[in-house]
Amino acid sequence: MYVDAIGRVSTGRKRWTSITHQRKHIRVKGDKWMIHEHLSQCVNSYLAGILP
């Protein structure tokens, strides 16, 4: 395994831009978390409206 000048990690078969890949992954995780939080808030307020 080696890292070339652009920051790509090469294992022979697979090759990806590690830094940008990680950033994309983190961004997707963040978006999923935001959506999850939003949905749970909606559900909580919905249940609060039903329950006394």
N, C-alpha and C. Protein backbone atom coordinates (compact mmCIF):
# COMPACT_ATOMS: atom_id res chain seq x y z
N MET A 1 0.84 -1.19 0.00
CA MET A 1 0.00 0.00 0.00
C MET A 1 0.88 1.24 0.00
N TYR A 2 0.54 2.19 -0.86
CA TYR A 2 1.31 3.42 -0.88
C TYR A 2 0.39 4.59 -1.20
N VAL A 3 0.85 5.78 -0.84
CA VAL A 3 0.08 6.99 -1.11
C VAL A 3 0.82 7.78 -2.17
N ASP A 4 0.13 8.14 -3.25
CA ASP A 4 0.80 8.90 -4.30
C ASP A 4 0.66 10.40 -4.05
N ALA A 5 1.11 11.20 -5.01
CA ALA A 5 1.23 12.63 -4.79
C ALA A 5 -0.12 13.30 -4.53
N ILE A 6 -1.18 12.76 -5.13
CA ILE A 6 -2.49 13.40 -4.99
C ILE A 6 -3.14 13.00 -3.67
N GLY A 7 -2.58 12.01 -3.00
CA GLY A 7 -3.15 11.55 -1.75
C GLY A 7 -4.00 10.31 -1.93
N ARG A 8 -3.86 9.66 -3.09
CA ARG A 8 -4.61 8.44 -3.32
C ARG A 8 -3.90 7.27 -2.67
N VAL A 9 -4.66 6.42 -2.06
CA VAL A 9 -4.10 5.21 -1.48
C VAL A 9 -4.31 4.07 -2.46
N SER A 10 -3.23 3.36 -2.77
CA SER A 10 -3.35 2.27 -3.72
C SER A 10 -3.01 0.96 -3.05
N THR A 11 -3.90 0.00 -3.16
CA THR A 11 -3.66 -1.33 -2.62
C THR A 11 -3.50 -2.33 -3.75
N GLY A 12 -3.34 -1.84 -4.98
CA GLY A 12 -3.22 -2.74 -6.12
C GLY A 12 -4.55 -2.86 -6.84
N ARG A 13 -5.54 -3.46 -6.17
CA ARG A 13 -6.85 -3.62 -6.79
C ARG A 13 -7.69 -2.36 -6.63
N LYS A 14 -7.87 -1.95 -5.38
CA LYS A 14 -8.73 -0.81 -5.12
C LYS A 14 -7.90 0.46 -5.12
N ARG A 15 -8.53 1.55 -5.54
CA ARG A 15 -7.84 2.82 -5.54
C ARG A 15 -8.87 3.91 -5.30
N TRP A 16 -8.62 4.75 -4.34
CA TRP A 16 -9.60 5.79 -4.04
C TRP A 16 -8.87 6.99 -3.46
N THR A 17 -9.51 8.13 -3.53
CA THR A 17 -8.94 9.34 -2.93
C THR A 17 -9.37 9.34 -1.47
N SER A 18 -8.42 9.04 -0.61
CA SER A 18 -8.76 8.77 0.78
C SER A 18 -9.36 9.99 1.47
N ILE A 19 -8.76 11.15 1.28
CA ILE A 19 -9.19 12.33 2.03
C ILE A 19 -10.59 12.75 1.59
N THR A 20 -10.79 12.89 0.29
CA THR A 20 -12.10 13.31 -0.20
C THR A 20 -13.14 12.25 0.11
N HIS A 21 -12.76 10.99 0.04
CA HIS A 21 -13.68 9.91 0.35
C HIS A 21 -14.15 10.01 1.79
N GLN A 22 -13.20 10.24 2.71
CA GLN A 22 -13.55 10.37 4.11
C GLN A 22 -14.46 11.57 4.33
N ARG A 23 -14.16 12.68 3.66
CA ARG A 23 -15.00 13.87 3.81
C ARG A 23 -16.42 13.60 3.34
N LYS A 24 -16.55 12.95 2.18
CA LYS A 24 -17.87 12.61 1.67
C LYS A 24 -18.60 11.71 2.66
N HIS A 25 -17.88 10.73 3.19
CA HIS A 25 -18.47 9.78 4.11
C HIS A 25 -18.98 10.51 5.35
N ILE A 26 -18.16 11.42 5.87
CA ILE A 26 -18.54 12.17 7.07
C ILE A 26 -19.77 13.03 6.76
N ARG A 27 -19.77 13.65 5.57
CA ARG A 27 -20.90 14.51 5.21
C ARG A 27 -22.18 13.69 5.13
N VAL A 28 -22.10 12.51 4.53
CA VAL A 28 -23.27 11.64 4.42
C VAL A 28 -23.74 11.22 5.81
N LYS A 29 -22.78 10.86 6.68
CA LYS A 29 -23.13 10.49 8.04
C LYS A 29 -23.85 11.64 8.73
N GLY A 30 -23.33 12.85 8.56
CA GLY A 30 -23.93 14.03 9.17
C GLY A 30 -25.35 14.25 8.68
N ASP A 31 -25.55 14.09 7.37
CA ASP A 31 -26.88 14.27 6.80
C ASP A 31 -27.85 13.24 7.36
N LYS A 32 -27.41 11.99 7.43
CA LYS A 32 -28.27 10.94 7.97
C LYS A 32 -28.62 11.26 9.42
N TRP A 33 -27.65 11.72 10.18
CA TRP A 33 -27.88 12.05 11.58
C TRP A 33 -28.90 13.17 11.70
N MET A 34 -28.75 14.22 10.85
CA MET A 34 -29.68 15.34 10.87
C MET A 34 -31.09 14.86 10.54
N ILE A 35 -31.21 14.03 9.52
CA ILE A 35 -32.52 13.51 9.13
C ILE A 35 -33.11 12.68 10.27
N HIS A 36 -32.28 11.87 10.89
CA HIS A 36 -32.73 11.04 12.00
C HIS A 36 -33.24 11.91 13.14
N GLU A 37 -32.47 12.95 13.49
CA GLU A 37 -32.88 13.86 14.55
C GLU A 37 -34.20 14.52 14.21
N HIS A 38 -34.32 14.97 12.97
CA HIS A 38 -35.53 15.66 12.53
C HIS A 38 -36.74 14.74 12.64
N LEU A 39 -36.58 13.49 12.19
CA LEU A 39 -37.68 12.54 12.23
C LEU A 39 -38.07 12.23 13.67
N SER A 40 -37.09 12.06 14.54
CA SER A 40 -37.41 11.74 15.92
C SER A 40 -38.14 12.90 16.59
N GLN A 41 -37.76 14.14 16.24
CA GLN A 41 -38.46 15.30 16.78
C GLN A 41 -39.91 15.32 16.29
N CYS A 42 -40.10 15.02 15.00
CA CYS A 42 -41.45 14.99 14.44
C CYS A 42 -42.30 13.94 15.15
N VAL A 43 -41.72 12.76 15.35
CA VAL A 43 -42.45 11.67 16.01
C VAL A 43 -42.78 12.06 17.44
N ASN A 44 -41.82 12.67 18.13
CA ASN A 44 -42.05 13.06 19.52
C ASN A 44 -43.17 14.08 19.63
N SER A 45 -43.16 15.08 18.75
CA SER A 45 -44.21 16.10 18.80
C SER A 45 -45.56 15.49 18.42
N TYR A 46 -45.53 14.55 17.48
CA TYR A 46 -46.76 13.86 17.07
C TYR A 46 -47.35 13.07 18.24
N LEU A 47 -46.48 12.33 18.93
CA LEU A 47 -46.93 11.55 20.08
C LEU A 47 -47.38 12.47 21.20
N ALA A 48 -46.69 13.58 21.38
CA ALA A 48 -47.06 14.53 22.42
C ALA A 48 -48.45 15.11 22.13
N GLY A 49 -48.77 15.26 20.84
CA GLY A 49 -50.10 15.75 20.46
C GLY A 49 -51.18 14.73 20.76
N ILE A 50 -50.85 13.44 20.62
CA ILE A 50 -51.84 12.38 20.86
C ILE A 50 -51.99 12.14 22.36
N LEU A 51 -50.88 11.94 23.03
CA LEU A 51 -50.91 11.59 24.44
C LEU A 51 -51.24 12.82 25.28
N PRO A 52 -51.94 12.63 26.37
CA PRO A 52 -52.27 13.74 27.26
C PRO A 52 -51.05 14.27 28.00
